Amino acid sequence: QCVGAYICSMANPQDLPDLMRHLIQTPQESPFFRVLTTRPKEMLMVANSNVPIHSRLWCVYEAHCAKLLKISMSVVGDPAHFATNARASPQALQAIRGAVEAKRREMAIAAASDDAA
């Protein structure tokens, strides 16, 4: 049961760079890290068409911290935006979507085999 959600892009004043610099000066004291230390059940990373998630250092840091703290993570959104942005070619977008879907099928088959064993 979800009793709340912390949305980094809405909770942190990203449009106020001086305040953000102060808030993240010591990453382990940042608002986001403090939320992670409460041990949420899951962390969602939302891919968008503006910029690939892994190209944003802070997003990578957040994922790293969640992994260290053993917090379950999921990346949601259009799979093509996991690694590209809105300027990617249609062929690249389709190739990425296909690769992600193939991996999901592979993982589902493996999970079904594990459950059957």
PDB file of N, CA and C in Angstrom:
ATOM      1  N   GLN A   1       0.836  -1.175   0.000  1.00  0.00           N
ATOM      2  CA  GLN A   1       0.000   0.000   0.000  1.00  0.00           C
ATOM      3  C   GLN A   1       0.883   1.241   0.000  1.00  0.00           C
ATOM      4  N   CYS A   2       0.601   2.136  -0.898  1.00  0.00           N
ATOM      5  CA  CYS A   2       1.348   3.387  -0.992  1.00  0.00           C
ATOM      6  C   CYS A   2       0.662   4.438  -0.122  1.00  0.00           C
ATOM      7  N   VAL A   3       1.451   5.045   0.746  1.00  0.00           N
ATOM      8  CA  VAL A   3       0.894   6.095   1.603  1.00  0.00           C
ATOM      9  C   VAL A   3       1.442   7.469   1.244  1.00  0.00           C
ATOM     10  N   GLY A   4       2.332   7.509   0.277  1.00  0.00           N
ATOM     11  CA  GLY A   4       2.880   8.791  -0.127  1.00  0.00           C
ATOM     12  C   GLY A   4       3.910   8.622  -1.217  1.00  0.00           C
ATOM     13  N   ALA A   5       4.278   9.709  -1.817  1.00  0.00           N
ATOM     14  CA  ALA A   5       5.290   9.695  -2.875  1.00  0.00           C
ATOM     15  C   ALA A   5       6.094  10.983  -2.804  1.00  0.00           C
ATOM     16  N   TYR A   6       7.377  10.847  -3.058  1.00  0.00           N
ATOM     17  CA  TYR A   6       8.269  11.999  -3.128  1.00  0.00           C
ATOM     18  C   TYR A   6       8.651  12.132  -4.594  1.00  0.00           C
ATOM     19  N   ILE A   7       8.350  13.249  -5.198  1.00  0.00           N
ATOM     20  CA  ILE A   7       8.647  13.456  -6.606  1.00  0.00           C
ATOM     21  C   ILE A   7       9.755  14.495  -6.689  1.00  0.00           C
ATOM     22  N   CYS A   8      10.944  13.989  -6.995  1.00  0.00           N
ATOM     23  CA  CYS A   8      12.148  14.818  -6.964  1.00  0.00           C
ATOM     24  C   CYS A   8      11.995  16.081  -7.806  1.00  0.00           C
ATOM     25  N   SER A   9      11.515  15.925  -9.031  1.00  0.00           N
ATOM     26  CA  SER A   9      11.457  17.087  -9.927  1.00  0.00           C
ATOM     27  C   SER A   9      10.457  18.129  -9.455  1.00  0.00           C
ATOM     28  N   MET A  10       9.513  17.722  -8.613  1.00  0.00           N
ATOM     29  CA  MET A  10       8.539  18.688  -8.108  1.00  0.00           C
ATOM     30  C   MET A  10       8.894  19.175  -6.708  1.00  0.00           C
ATOM     31  N   ALA A  11       9.617  18.357  -5.949  1.00  0.00           N
ATOM     32  CA  ALA A  11       9.923  18.714  -4.565  1.00  0.00           C
ATOM     33  C   ALA A  11      11.179  19.563  -4.436  1.00  0.00           C
ATOM     34  N   ASN A  12      12.132  19.342  -5.315  1.00  0.00           N
ATOM     35  CA  ASN A  12      13.373  20.120  -5.258  1.00  0.00           C
ATOM     36  C   ASN A  12      13.242  21.347  -6.150  1.00  0.00           C
ATOM     37  N   PRO A  13      13.644  22.501  -5.667  1.00  0.00           N
ATOM     38  CA  PRO A  13      13.504  23.742  -6.445  1.00  0.00           C
ATOM     39  C   PRO A  13      14.548  23.824  -7.568  1.00  0.00           C
ATOM     40  N   GLN A  14      14.365  23.000  -8.603  1.00  0.00           N
ATOM     41  CA  GLN A  14      15.353  22.916  -9.667  1.00  0.00           C
ATOM     42  C   GLN A  14      15.472  24.205 -10.482  1.00  0.00           C
ATOM     43  N   ASP A  15      14.485  25.064 -10.379  1.00  0.00           N
ATOM     44  CA  ASP A  15      14.551  26.340 -11.100  1.00  0.00           C
ATOM     45  C   ASP A  15      15.220  27.440 -10.265  1.00  0.00           C
ATOM     46  N   LEU A  16      15.708  27.077  -9.078  1.00  0.00           N
ATOM     47  CA  LEU A  16      16.416  28.014  -8.217  1.00  0.00           C
ATOM     48  C   LEU A  16      17.827  27.461  -7.971  1.00  0.00           C
ATOM     49  N   PRO A  17      18.734  27.673  -8.927  1.00  0.00           N
ATOM     50  CA  PRO A  17      20.045  27.020  -8.856  1.00  0.00           C
ATOM     51  C   PRO A  17      20.845  27.314  -7.593  1.00  0.00           C
ATOM     52  N   ASP A  18      20.774  28.513  -7.062  1.00  0.00           N
ATOM     53  CA  ASP A  18      21.537  28.820  -5.845  1.00  0.00           C
ATOM     54  C   ASP A  18      21.034  27.995  -4.661  1.00  0.00           C
ATOM     55  N   LEU A  19      19.733  27.900  -4.532  1.00  0.00           N
ATOM     56  CA  LEU A  19      19.159  27.101  -3.450  1.00  0.00           C
ATOM     57  C   LEU A  19      19.472  25.617  -3.661  1.00  0.00           C
ATOM     58  N   MET A  20      19.383  25.135  -4.901  1.00  0.00           N
ATOM     59  CA  MET A  20      19.697  23.725  -5.186  1.00  0.00           C
ATOM     60  C   MET A  20      21.151  23.423  -4.840  1.00  0.00           C
ATOM     61  N   ARG A  21      22.061  24.315  -5.199  1.00  0.00           N
ATOM     62  CA  ARG A  21      23.479  24.102  -4.865  1.00  0.00           C
ATOM     63  C   ARG A  21      23.638  23.931  -3.354  1.00  0.00           C
ATOM     64  N   HIS A  22      22.922  24.750  -2.607  1.00  0.00           N
ATOM     65  CA  HIS A  22      22.986  24.647  -1.144  1.00  0.00           C
ATOM     66  C   HIS A  22      22.403  23.308  -0.668  1.00  0.00           C
ATOM     67  N   LEU A  23      21.259  22.899  -1.236  1.00  0.00           N
ATOM     68  CA  LEU A  23      20.600  21.670  -0.806  1.00  0.00           C
ATOM     69  C   LEU A  23      21.409  20.416  -1.101  1.00  0.00           C
ATOM     70  N   ILE A  24      22.193  20.444  -2.194  1.00  0.00           N
ATOM     71  CA  ILE A  24      22.927  19.237  -2.573  1.00  0.00           C
ATOM     72  C   ILE A  24      24.429  19.371  -2.367  1.00  0.00           C
ATOM     73  N   GLN A  25      24.839  20.386  -1.639  1.00  0.00           N
ATOM     74  CA  GLN A  25      26.263  20.596  -1.386  1.00  0.00           C
ATOM     75  C   GLN A  25      26.894  19.349  -0.777  1.00  0.00           C
ATOM     76  N   THR A  26      26.205  18.724   0.157  1.00  0.00           N
ATOM     77  CA  THR A  26      26.615  17.443   0.724  1.00  0.00           C
ATOM     78  C   THR A  26      25.542  16.446   0.300  1.00  0.00           C
ATOM     79  N   PRO A  27      25.823  15.622  -0.720  1.00  0.00           N
ATOM     80  CA  PRO A  27      24.776  14.753  -1.272  1.00  0.00           C
ATOM     81  C   PRO A  27      24.046  13.888  -0.243  1.00  0.00           C
ATOM     82  N   GLN A  28      24.761  13.407   0.780  1.00  0.00           N
ATOM     83  CA  GLN A  28      24.099  12.570   1.788  1.00  0.00           C
ATOM     84  C   GLN A  28      23.150  13.363   2.683  1.00  0.00           C
ATOM     85  N   GLU A  29      23.161  14.676   2.550  1.00  0.00           N
ATOM     86  CA  GLU A  29      22.225  15.502   3.303  1.00  0.00           C
ATOM     87  C   GLU A  29      21.157  16.113   2.397  1.00  0.00           C
ATOM     88  N   SER A  30      21.148  15.701   1.135  1.00  0.00           N
ATOM     89  CA  SER A  30      20.168  16.244   0.192  1.00  0.00           C
ATOM     90  C   SER A  30      18.766  15.740   0.535  1.00  0.00           C
ATOM     91  N   PRO A  31      17.746  16.484   0.128  1.00  0.00           N
ATOM     92  CA  PRO A  31      16.376  16.039   0.392  1.00  0.00           C
ATOM     93  C   PRO A  31      16.107  14.635  -0.151  1.00  0.00           C
ATOM     94  N   PHE A  32      16.601  14.349  -1.332  1.00  0.00           N
ATOM     95  CA  PHE A  32      16.342  13.041  -1.921  1.00  0.00           C
ATOM     96  C   PHE A  32      16.985  11.927  -1.099  1.00  0.00           C
ATOM     97  N   PHE A  33      18.226  12.096  -0.707  1.00  0.00           N
ATOM     98  CA  PHE A  33      18.902  11.063   0.078  1.00  0.00           C
ATOM     99  C   PHE A  33      18.187  10.841   1.404  1.00  0.00           C
ATOM    100  N   ARG A  34      17.714  11.911   2.004  1.00  0.00           N
ATOM    101  CA  ARG A  34      16.968  11.767   3.261  1.00  0.00           C
ATOM    102  C   ARG A  34      15.734  10.904   3.066  1.00  0.00           C
ATOM    103  N   VAL A  35      15.057  11.087   1.944  1.00  0.00           N
ATOM    104  CA  VAL A  35      13.894  10.244   1.652  1.00  0.00           C
ATOM    105  C   VAL A  35      14.322   8.787   1.510  1.00  0.00           C
ATOM    106  N   LEU A  36      15.426   8.543   0.813  1.00  0.00           N
ATOM    107  CA  LEU A  36      15.889   7.168   0.642  1.00  0.00           C
ATOM    108  C   LEU A  36      16.204   6.503   1.980  1.00  0.00           C
ATOM    109  N   THR A  37      16.688   7.261   2.931  1.00  0.00           N
ATOM    110  CA  THR A  37      17.029   6.658   4.221  1.00  0.00           C
ATOM    111  C   THR A  37      15.791   6.235   5.010  1.00  0.00           C
ATOM    112  N   THR A  38      14.612   6.638   4.586  1.00  0.00           N
ATOM    113  CA  THR A  38      13.377   6.166   5.226  1.00  0.00           C
ATOM    114  C   THR A  38      12.974   4.799   4.680  1.00  0.00           C
ATOM    115  N   ARG A  39      13.770   4.276   3.744  1.00  0.00           N
ATOM    116  CA  ARG A  39      13.582   2.940   3.156  1.00  0.00           C
ATOM    117  C   ARG A  39      12.223   2.766   2.468  1.00  0.00           C
ATOM    118  N   PRO A  40      11.964   3.564   1.433  1.00  0.00           N
ATOM    119  CA  PRO A  40      10.720   3.352   0.688  1.00  0.00           C
ATOM    120  C   PRO A  40      10.725   1.965   0.051  1.00  0.00           C
ATOM    121  N   LYS A  41       9.541   1.465  -0.286  1.00  0.00           N
ATOM    122  CA  LYS A  41       9.434   0.140  -0.894  1.00  0.00           C
ATOM    123  C   LYS A  41      10.020   0.124  -2.294  1.00  0.00           C
ATOM    124  N   GLU A  42       9.886   1.229  -3.004  1.00  0.00           N
ATOM    125  CA  GLU A  42      10.354   1.252  -4.390  1.00  0.00           C
ATOM    126  C   GLU A  42      10.693   2.669  -4.815  1.00  0.00           C
ATOM    127  N   MET A  43      11.627   2.765  -5.737  1.00  0.00           N
ATOM    128  CA  MET A  43      11.977   4.035  -6.359  1.00  0.00           C
ATOM    129  C   MET A  43      11.680   3.917  -7.852  1.00  0.00           C
ATOM    130  N   LEU A  44      10.928   4.850  -8.366  1.00  0.00           N
ATOM    131  CA  LEU A  44      10.640   4.889  -9.795  1.00  0.00           C
ATOM    132  C   LEU A  44      11.473   5.971 -10.450  1.00  0.00           C
ATOM    133  N   MET A  45      12.092   5.636 -11.559  1.00  0.00           N
ATOM    134  CA  MET A  45      12.788   6.622 -12.376  1.00  0.00           C
ATOM    135  C   MET A  45      11.957   6.750 -13.651  1.00  0.00           C
ATOM    136  N   VAL A  46      11.568   7.948 -13.980  1.00  0.00           N
ATOM    137  CA  VAL A  46      10.684   8.163 -15.120  1.00  0.00           C
ATOM    138  C   VAL A  46      11.491   8.713 -16.294  1.00  0.00           C
ATOM    139  N   ALA A  47      11.558   7.910 -17.346  1.00  0.00           N
ATOM    140  CA  ALA A  47      12.251   8.341 -18.562  1.00  0.00           C
ATOM    141  C   ALA A  47      11.350   9.315 -19.318  1.00  0.00           C
ATOM    142  N   ASN A  48      11.972  10.317 -19.925  1.00  0.00           N
ATOM    143  CA  ASN A  48      11.201  11.257 -20.741  1.00  0.00           C
ATOM    144  C   ASN A  48      11.970  11.550 -22.024  1.00  0.00           C
ATOM    145  N   SER A  49      11.338  12.272 -22.906  1.00  0.00           N
ATOM    146  CA  SER A  49      11.953  12.520 -24.216  1.00  0.00           C
ATOM    147  C   SER A  49      12.946  13.673 -24.207  1.00  0.00           C
ATOM    148  N   ASN A  50      13.088  14.376 -23.092  1.00  0.00           N
ATOM    149  CA  ASN A  50      13.994  15.524 -23.051  1.00  0.00           C
ATOM    150  C   ASN A  50      15.460  15.129 -23.055  1.00  0.00           C
ATOM    151  N   VAL A  51      15.809  14.174 -22.182  1.00  0.00           N
ATOM    152  CA  VAL A  51      17.209  13.780 -22.039  1.00  0.00           C
ATOM    153  C   VAL A  51      17.245  12.362 -21.460  1.00  0.00           C
ATOM    154  N   PRO A  52      18.139  11.517 -21.956  1.00  0.00           N
ATOM    155  CA  PRO A  52      18.230  10.163 -21.381  1.00  0.00           C
ATOM    156  C   PRO A  52      18.565  10.226 -19.894  1.00  0.00           C
ATOM    157  N   ILE A  53      17.902   9.384 -19.112  1.00  0.00           N
ATOM    158  CA  ILE A  53      18.090   9.377 -17.662  1.00  0.00           C
ATOM    159  C   ILE A  53      19.559   9.227 -17.280  1.00  0.00           C
ATOM    160  N   HIS A  54      20.267   8.298 -17.903  1.00  0.00           N
ATOM    161  CA  HIS A  54      21.646   8.024 -17.488  1.00  0.00           C
ATOM    162  C   HIS A  54      22.614   9.153 -17.839  1.00  0.00           C
ATOM    163  N   SER A  55      22.165  10.145 -18.600  1.00  0.00           N
ATOM    164  CA  SER A  55      23.050  11.268 -18.925  1.00  0.00           C
ATOM    165  C   SER A  55      22.960  12.380 -17.869  1.00  0.00           C
ATOM    166  N   ARG A  56      22.050  12.228 -16.919  1.00  0.00           N
ATOM    167  CA  ARG A  56      21.897  13.214 -15.848  1.00  0.00           C
ATOM    168  C   ARG A  56      22.587  12.675 -14.598  1.00  0.00           C
ATOM    169  N   LEU A  57      23.686  13.286 -14.223  1.00  0.00           N
ATOM    170  CA  LEU A  57      24.501  12.796 -13.116  1.00  0.00           C
ATOM    171  C   LEU A  57      23.690  12.601 -11.843  1.00  0.00           C
ATOM    172  N   TRP A  58      22.794  13.525 -11.535  1.00  0.00           N
ATOM    173  CA  TRP A  58      22.033  13.403 -10.301  1.00  0.00           C
ATOM    174  C   TRP A  58      21.134  12.169 -10.337  1.00  0.00           C
ATOM    175  N   CYS A  59      20.528  11.871 -11.484  1.00  0.00           N
ATOM    176  CA  CYS A  59      19.689  10.672 -11.610  1.00  0.00           C
ATOM    177  C   CYS A  59      20.521   9.413 -11.391  1.00  0.00           C
ATOM    178  N   VAL A  60      21.718   9.401 -11.944  1.00  0.00           N
ATOM    179  CA  VAL A  60      22.615   8.255 -11.756  1.00  0.00           C
ATOM    180  C   VAL A  60      22.984   8.123 -10.281  1.00  0.00           C
ATOM    181  N   TYR A  61      23.267   9.234  -9.638  1.00  0.00           N
ATOM    182  CA  TYR A  61      23.601   9.213  -8.208  1.00  0.00           C
ATOM    183  C   TYR A  61      22.426   8.668  -7.388  1.00  0.00           C
ATOM    184  N   GLU A  62      21.215   9.119  -7.690  1.00  0.00           N
ATOM    185  CA  GLU A  62      20.039   8.647  -6.963  1.00  0.00           C
ATOM    186  C   GLU A  62      19.876   7.137  -7.133  1.00  0.00           C
ATOM    187  N   ALA A  63      20.058   6.643  -8.355  1.00  0.00           N
ATOM    188  CA  ALA A  63      19.944   5.201  -8.599  1.00  0.00           C
ATOM    189  C   ALA A  63      21.034   4.444  -7.835  1.00  0.00           C
ATOM    190  N   HIS A  64      22.239   4.994  -7.842  1.00  0.00           N
ATOM    191  CA  HIS A  64      23.351   4.373  -7.114  1.00  0.00           C
ATOM    192  C   HIS A  64      23.030   4.280  -5.620  1.00  0.00           C
ATOM    193  N   CYS A  65      22.522   5.345  -5.052  1.00  0.00           N
ATOM    194  CA  CYS A  65      22.184   5.351  -3.627  1.00  0.00           C
ATOM    195  C   CYS A  65      21.082   4.333  -3.332  1.00  0.00           C
ATOM    196  N   ALA A  66      20.081   4.282  -4.170  1.00  0.00           N
ATOM    197  CA  ALA A  66      18.993   3.320  -3.961  1.00  0.00           C
ATOM    198  C   ALA A  66      19.533   1.892  -4.008  1.00  0.00           C
ATOM    199  N   LYS A  67      20.431   1.635  -4.934  1.00  0.00           N
ATOM    200  CA  LYS A  67      21.015   0.293  -5.023  1.00  0.00           C
ATOM    201  C   LYS A  67      21.820  -0.029  -3.764  1.00  0.00           C
ATOM    202  N   LEU A  68      22.625   0.910  -3.304  1.00  0.00           N
ATOM    203  CA  LEU A  68      23.408   0.689  -2.076  1.00  0.00           C
ATOM    204  C   LEU A  68      22.500   0.410  -0.877  1.00  0.00           C
ATOM    205  N   LEU A  69      21.370   1.082  -0.842  1.00  0.00           N
ATOM    206  CA  LEU A  69      20.428   0.921   0.268  1.00  0.00           C
ATOM    207  C   LEU A  69      19.457  -0.238   0.046  1.00  0.00           C
ATOM    208  N   LYS A  70      19.657  -0.970  -1.062  1.00  0.00           N
ATOM    209  CA  LYS A  70      18.841  -2.145  -1.401  1.00  0.00           C
ATOM    210  C   LYS A  70      17.352  -1.799  -1.547  1.00  0.00           C
ATOM    211  N   ILE A  71      17.103  -0.668  -2.196  1.00  0.00           N
ATOM    212  CA  ILE A  71      15.736  -0.236  -2.478  1.00  0.00           C
ATOM    213  C   ILE A  71      15.405  -0.656  -3.900  1.00  0.00           C
ATOM    214  N   SER A  72      14.283  -1.318  -4.062  1.00  0.00           N
ATOM    215  CA  SER A  72      13.844  -1.774  -5.379  1.00  0.00           C
ATOM    216  C   SER A  72      13.657  -0.564  -6.300  1.00  0.00           C
ATOM    217  N   MET A  73      14.128  -0.700  -7.539  1.00  0.00           N
ATOM    218  CA  MET A  73      14.009   0.391  -8.514  1.00  0.00           C
ATOM    219  C   MET A  73      13.345  -0.104  -9.783  1.00  0.00           C
ATOM    220  N   SER A  74      12.569   0.767 -10.394  1.00  0.00           N
ATOM    221  CA  SER A  74      11.989   0.500 -11.709  1.00  0.00           C
ATOM    222  C   SER A  74      12.139   1.751 -12.550  1.00  0.00           C
ATOM    223  N   VAL A  75      12.411   1.536 -13.821  1.00  0.00           N
ATOM    224  CA  VAL A  75      12.433   2.651 -14.771  1.00  0.00           C
ATOM    225  C   VAL A  75      11.153   2.533 -15.571  1.00  0.00           C
ATOM    226  N   VAL A  76      10.394   3.612 -15.615  1.00  0.00           N
ATOM    227  CA  VAL A  76       9.122   3.600 -16.333  1.00  0.00           C
ATOM    228  C   VAL A  76       9.140   4.680 -17.404  1.00  0.00           C
ATOM    229  N   GLY A  77       8.222   4.572 -18.329  1.00  0.00           N
ATOM    230  CA  GLY A  77       8.152   5.507 -19.443  1.00  0.00           C
ATOM    231  C   GLY A  77       8.408   4.762 -20.734  1.00  0.00           C
ATOM    232  N   ASP A  78       8.492   5.474 -21.802  1.00  0.00           N
ATOM    233  CA  ASP A  78       8.748   4.885 -23.113  1.00  0.00           C
ATOM    234  C   ASP A  78      10.161   4.307 -23.125  1.00  0.00           C
ATOM    235  N   PRO A  79      10.306   2.993 -23.356  1.00  0.00           N
ATOM    236  CA  PRO A  79      11.639   2.390 -23.363  1.00  0.00           C
ATOM    237  C   PRO A  79      12.617   3.080 -24.314  1.00  0.00           C
ATOM    238  N   ALA A  80      12.127   3.657 -25.376  1.00  0.00           N
ATOM    239  CA  ALA A  80      13.021   4.333 -26.318  1.00  0.00           C
ATOM    240  C   ALA A  80      13.698   5.525 -25.675  1.00  0.00           C
ATOM    241  N   HIS A  81      13.075   6.099 -24.650  1.00  0.00           N
ATOM    242  CA  HIS A  81      13.651   7.269 -23.983  1.00  0.00           C
ATOM    243  C   HIS A  81      14.621   6.892 -22.872  1.00  0.00           C
ATOM    244  N   PHE A  82      14.813   5.590 -22.645  1.00  0.00           N
ATOM    245  CA  PHE A  82      15.800   5.172 -21.654  1.00  0.00           C
ATOM    246  C   PHE A  82      17.197   5.562 -22.121  1.00  0.00           C
ATOM    247  N   ALA A  83      17.400   5.560 -23.427  1.00  0.00           N
ATOM    248  CA  ALA A  83      18.750   5.778 -23.960  1.00  0.00           C
ATOM    249  C   ALA A  83      18.833   6.851 -25.030  1.00  0.00           C
ATOM    250  N   THR A  84      17.722   7.459 -25.374  1.00  0.00           N
ATOM    251  CA  THR A  84      17.730   8.470 -26.433  1.00  0.00           C
ATOM    252  C   THR A  84      16.895   9.668 -26.003  1.00  0.00           C
ATOM    253  N   ASN A  85      16.843  10.642 -26.865  1.00  0.00           N
ATOM    254  CA  ASN A  85      15.980  11.788 -26.599  1.00  0.00           C
ATOM    255  C   ASN A  85      15.047  11.997 -27.801  1.00  0.00           C
ATOM    256  N   ALA A  86      14.304  13.069 -27.784  1.00  0.00           N
ATOM    257  CA  ALA A  86      13.296  13.313 -28.812  1.00  0.00           C
ATOM    258  C   ALA A  86      13.885  13.465 -30.214  1.00  0.00           C
ATOM    259  N   ARG A  87      15.179  13.729 -30.316  1.00  0.00           N
ATOM    260  CA  ARG A  87      15.785  13.919 -31.637  1.00  0.00           C
ATOM    261  C   ARG A  87      16.290  12.625 -32.264  1.00  0.00           C
ATOM    262  N   ALA A  88      16.102  11.492 -31.578  1.00  0.00           N
ATOM    263  CA  ALA A  88      16.576  10.216 -32.113  1.00  0.00           C
ATOM    264  C   ALA A  88      15.768   9.833 -33.353  1.00  0.00           C
ATOM    265  N   SER A  89      16.395   9.089 -34.238  1.00  0.00           N
ATOM    266  CA  SER A  89      15.712   8.657 -35.457  1.00  0.00           C
ATOM    267  C   SER A  89      14.623   7.645 -35.122  1.00  0.00           C
ATOM    268  N   PRO A  90      13.587   7.572 -35.941  1.00  0.00           N
ATOM    269  CA  PRO A  90      12.530   6.577 -35.719  1.00  0.00           C
ATOM    270  C   PRO A  90      13.084   5.147 -35.683  1.00  0.00           C
ATOM    271  N   GLN A  91      14.094   4.880 -36.505  1.00  0.00           N
ATOM    272  CA  GLN A  91      14.684   3.540 -36.532  1.00  0.00           C
ATOM    273  C   GLN A  91      15.372   3.227 -35.202  1.00  0.00           C
ATOM    274  N   ALA A  92      16.081   4.197 -34.634  1.00  0.00           N
ATOM    275  CA  ALA A  92      16.748   3.982 -33.349  1.00  0.00           C
ATOM    276  C   ALA A  92      15.719   3.764 -32.246  1.00  0.00           C
ATOM    277  N   LEU A  93      14.670   4.562 -32.256  1.00  0.00           N
ATOM    278  CA  LEU A  93      13.632   4.410 -31.244  1.00  0.00           C
ATOM    279  C   LEU A  93      12.997   3.026 -31.326  1.00  0.00           C
ATOM    280  N   GLN A  94      12.689   2.580 -32.538  1.00  0.00           N
ATOM    281  CA  GLN A  94      12.061   1.271 -32.717  1.00  0.00           C
ATOM    282  C   GLN A  94      13.008   0.150 -32.295  1.00  0.00           C
ATOM    283  N   ALA A  95      14.271   0.284 -32.621  1.00  0.00           N
ATOM    284  CA  ALA A  95      15.254  -0.744 -32.244  1.00  0.00           C
ATOM    285  C   ALA A  95      15.354  -0.862 -30.725  1.00  0.00           C
ATOM    286  N   ILE A  96      15.371   0.260 -30.037  1.00  0.00           N
ATOM    287  CA  ILE A  96      15.461   0.232 -28.576  1.00  0.00           C
ATOM    288  C   ILE A  96      14.194  -0.359 -27.978  1.00  0.00           C
ATOM    289  N   ARG A  97      13.040   0.061 -28.480  1.00  0.00           N
ATOM    290  CA  ARG A  97      11.783  -0.507 -27.965  1.00  0.00           C
ATOM    291  C   ARG A  97      11.772  -2.023 -28.158  1.00  0.00           C
ATOM    292  N   GLY A  98      12.207  -2.483 -29.333  1.00  0.00           N
ATOM    293  CA  GLY A  98      12.239  -3.917 -29.609  1.00  0.00           C
ATOM    294  C   GLY A  98      13.184  -4.658 -28.676  1.00  0.00           C
ATOM    295  N   ALA A  99      14.356  -4.092 -28.421  1.00  0.00           N
ATOM    296  CA  ALA A  99      15.329  -4.740 -27.537  1.00  0.00           C
ATOM    297  C   ALA A  99      14.807  -4.811 -26.104  1.00  0.00           C
ATOM    298  N   VAL A 100      14.170  -3.751 -25.640  1.00  0.00           N
ATOM    299  CA  VAL A 100      13.618  -3.747 -24.286  1.00  0.00           C
ATOM    300  C   VAL A 100      12.498  -4.771 -24.176  1.00  0.00           C
ATOM    301  N   GLU A 101      11.632  -4.825 -25.174  1.00  0.00           N
ATOM    302  CA  GLU A 101      10.526  -5.792 -25.150  1.00  0.00           C
ATOM    303  C   GLU A 101      11.052  -7.223 -25.180  1.00  0.00           C
ATOM    304  N   ALA A 102      12.075  -7.489 -25.973  1.00  0.00           N
ATOM    305  CA  ALA A 102      12.664  -8.833 -26.029  1.00  0.00           C
ATOM    306  C   ALA A 102      13.241  -9.222 -24.665  1.00  0.00           C
ATOM    307  N   LYS A 103      13.904  -8.283 -24.004  1.00  0.00           N
ATOM    308  CA  LYS A 103      14.471  -8.547 -22.673  1.00  0.00           C
ATOM    309  C   LYS A 103      13.360  -8.806 -21.669  1.00  0.00           C
ATOM    310  N   ARG A 104      12.275  -8.066 -21.754  1.00  0.00           N
ATOM    311  CA  ARG A 104      11.145  -8.284 -20.835  1.00  0.00           C
ATOM    312  C   ARG A 104      10.554  -9.674 -21.037  1.00  0.00           C
ATOM    313  N   ARG A 105      10.414 -10.096 -22.294  1.00  0.00           N
ATOM    314  CA  ARG A 105       9.896 -11.442 -22.569  1.00  0.00           C
ATOM    315  C   ARG A 105      10.845 -12.501 -22.004  1.00  0.00           C
ATOM    316  N   GLU A 106      12.133 -12.307 -22.223  1.00  0.00           N
ATOM    317  CA  GLU A 106      13.146 -13.238 -21.717  1.00  0.00           C
ATOM    318  C   GLU A 106      13.067 -13.355 -20.195  1.00  0.00           C
ATOM    319  N   MET A 107      12.924 -12.228 -19.526  1.00  0.00           N
ATOM    320  CA  MET A 107      12.849 -12.238 -18.067  1.00  0.00           C
ATOM    321  C   MET A 107      11.553 -12.903 -17.586  1.00  0.00           C
ATOM    322  N   ALA A 108      10.446 -12.692 -18.298  1.00  0.00           N
ATOM    323  CA  ALA A 108       9.177 -13.307 -17.922  1.00  0.00           C
ATOM    324  C   ALA A 108       9.245 -14.825 -18.079  1.00  0.00           C
ATOM    325  N   ILE A 109       9.888 -15.291 -19.151  1.00  0.00           N
ATOM    326  CA  ILE A 109      10.047 -16.742 -19.363  1.00  0.00           C
ATOM    327  C   ILE A 109      10.911 -17.339 -18.265  1.00  0.00           C
ATOM    328  N   ALA A 110      12.005 -16.660 -17.928  1.00  0.00           N
ATOM    329  CA  ALA A 110      12.888 -17.144 -16.863  1.00  0.00           C
ATOM    330  C   ALA A 110      12.152 -17.201 -15.519  1.00  0.00           C
ATOM    331  N   ALA A 111      11.354 -16.174 -15.236  1.00  0.00           N
ATOM    332  CA  ALA A 111      10.605 -16.144 -13.978  1.00  0.00           C
ATOM    333  C   ALA A 111       9.573 -17.267 -13.948  1.00  0.00           C
ATOM    334  N   ALA A 112       8.908 -17.515 -15.061  1.00  0.00           N
ATOM    335  CA  ALA A 112       7.920 -18.597 -15.131  1.00  0.00           C
ATOM    336  C   ALA A 112       8.606 -19.954 -14.936  1.00  0.00           C
ATOM    337  N   SER A 113       9.784 -20.118 -15.505  1.00  0.00           N
ATOM    338  CA  SER A 113      10.531 -21.371 -15.327  1.00  0.00           C
ATOM    339  C   SER A 113      10.931 -21.568 -13.878  1.00  0.00           C
ATOM    340  N   ASP A 114      11.367 -20.479 -13.233  1.00  0.00           N
ATOM    341  CA  ASP A 114      11.730 -20.557 -11.808  1.00  0.00           C
ATOM    342  C   ASP A 114      10.530 -20.929 -10.948  1.00  0.00           C
ATOM    343  N   ASP A 115       9.370 -20.328 -11.287  1.00  0.00           N
ATOM    344  CA  ASP A 115       8.148 -20.618 -10.517  1.00  0.00           C
ATOM    345  C   ASP A 115       7.707 -22.060 -10.701  1.00  0.00           C
ATOM    346  N   ALA A 116       7.913 -22.612 -11.895  1.00  0.00           N
ATOM    347  CA  ALA A 116       7.499 -23.984 -12.184  1.00  0.00           C
ATOM    348  C   ALA A 116       8.421 -25.009 -11.515  1.00  0.00           C
ATOM    349  N   ALA A 117       9.642 -24.595 -11.237  1.00  0.00           N
ATOM    350  CA  ALA A 117      10.629 -25.541 -10.659  1.00  0.00           C
ATOM    351  C   ALA A 117      10.460 -25.773  -9.200  1.00  0.00           C
TER     352      ALA A 117
END
